[in-house]
Amino acid sequence: MANKKRRVAKTATEALKLLWEESFFRSWKKKAAVEVSLAKKGNHFTDAELGMALKRAKHLTRKGRPGNYEYIQKHPFIAEEIVVKKKG
């Protein structure tokens, strides 16, 4: 059985990046849906902290009116691969 590392988010910004890596933002999501998903992971950020992180997230875009925004990813997450070149 493979031992999978579990990453823990200590800030709302980190938590949003983890959700993005899991393709959570593939479709439009309201803030309430984000809060529910984070709560399942054990994260409970203040309303202001989560709202500011959603607003500042460079990998997300939003639509709607104040108090009723929806969020979606600008582009899918792609893990960066480290390529090591051998001399010789």
Protein backbone atom coordinates (compact mmCIF):
# COMPACT_ATOMS: atom_id res chain seq x y z
CA MET A 1 0.00 0.00 0.00
CA ALA A 2 1.43 3.32 -1.05
CA ASN A 3 1.96 5.92 1.63
CA LYS A 4 0.33 9.13 0.39
CA LYS A 5 1.49 12.38 1.98
CA ARG A 6 -1.32 14.49 3.34
CA ARG A 7 -0.76 18.20 2.97
CA VAL A 8 -2.21 20.49 5.61
CA ALA A 9 -3.23 24.06 4.81
CA LYS A 10 -2.50 26.55 7.55
CA THR A 11 -3.90 29.58 5.70
CA ALA A 12 -6.93 30.17 3.52
CA THR A 13 -4.64 30.88 0.56
CA GLU A 14 -2.91 27.50 0.93
CA ALA A 15 -6.28 25.76 1.30
CA LEU A 16 -7.56 27.29 -1.96
CA LYS A 17 -4.44 26.15 -3.80
CA LEU A 18 -4.96 22.60 -2.52
CA LEU A 19 -8.56 22.65 -3.76
CA TRP A 20 -7.35 23.94 -7.12
CA GLU A 21 -4.81 21.11 -7.35
CA GLU A 22 -7.67 18.66 -6.72
CA SER A 23 -9.65 20.24 -9.63
CA PHE A 24 -12.35 21.50 -7.25
CA PHE A 25 -12.70 24.74 -9.22
CA ARG A 26 -13.26 22.99 -12.57
CA SER A 27 -16.83 24.34 -12.52
CA TRP A 28 -18.35 27.48 -10.99
CA LYS A 29 -18.47 27.31 -7.16
CA LYS A 30 -20.11 29.63 -4.65
CA LYS A 31 -18.33 30.62 -1.46
CA ALA A 32 -20.64 28.36 0.58
CA ALA A 33 -19.55 25.31 -1.45
CA VAL A 34 -15.90 26.24 -0.84
CA GLU A 35 -16.58 26.53 2.91
CA VAL A 36 -18.24 23.08 2.97
CA SER A 37 -15.33 21.48 1.12
CA LEU A 38 -12.79 23.08 3.43
CA ALA A 39 -14.79 22.03 6.50
CA LYS A 40 -14.63 18.39 5.34
CA LYS A 41 -10.84 18.75 5.43
CA GLY A 42 -10.97 20.27 8.91
CA ASN A 43 -10.30 23.88 7.86
CA HIS A 44 -12.53 26.58 9.36
CA PHE A 45 -11.39 30.05 8.30
CA THR A 46 -13.15 33.28 9.18
CA ASP A 47 -15.53 34.71 6.61
CA ALA A 48 -13.25 37.70 6.02
CA GLU A 49 -10.10 35.57 5.68
CA LEU A 50 -11.66 33.20 3.14
CA GLY A 51 -13.28 36.06 1.21
CA MET A 52 -9.98 37.92 0.91
CA ALA A 53 -8.14 34.75 -0.17
CA LEU A 54 -10.77 34.08 -2.87
CA LYS A 55 -10.53 37.68 -4.07
CA ARG A 56 -6.72 37.60 -4.26
CA ALA A 57 -6.30 34.10 -5.74
CA LYS A 58 -4.45 34.57 -9.02
CA HIS A 59 -5.54 31.15 -10.31
CA LEU A 60 -9.27 31.93 -9.91
CA THR A 61 -11.68 34.29 -11.59
CA ARG A 62 -15.07 35.36 -10.31
CA LYS A 63 -18.42 36.54 -11.59
CA GLY A 64 -21.53 37.91 -9.92
CA ARG A 65 -22.36 40.69 -7.54
CA PRO A 66 -21.01 41.46 -4.06
CA GLY A 67 -22.22 38.80 -1.66
CA ASN A 68 -23.13 36.45 -4.48
CA TYR A 69 -19.87 35.69 -6.30
CA GLU A 70 -19.01 32.42 -8.02
CA TYR A 71 -15.44 31.26 -8.63
CA ILE A 72 -13.78 29.12 -11.30
CA GLN A 73 -10.17 28.30 -12.19
CA LYS A 74 -8.45 30.34 -14.90
CA HIS A 75 -6.43 27.30 -15.95
CA PRO A 76 -6.03 23.73 -14.68
CA PHE A 77 -3.29 22.87 -12.23
CA ILE A 78 -0.30 21.12 -13.77
CA ALA A 79 2.39 19.82 -11.46
CA GLU A 80 5.79 21.12 -12.45
CA GLU A 81 8.17 18.34 -13.31
CA ILE A 82 11.82 18.72 -12.44
CA VAL A 83 14.02 17.59 -15.30
CA VAL A 84 17.59 16.66 -14.41
CA LYS A 85 20.05 16.62 -17.28
CA LYS A 86 22.99 14.30 -17.06
CA LYS A 87 26.39 15.46 -18.24
CA GLY A 88 28.20 13.18 -20.55
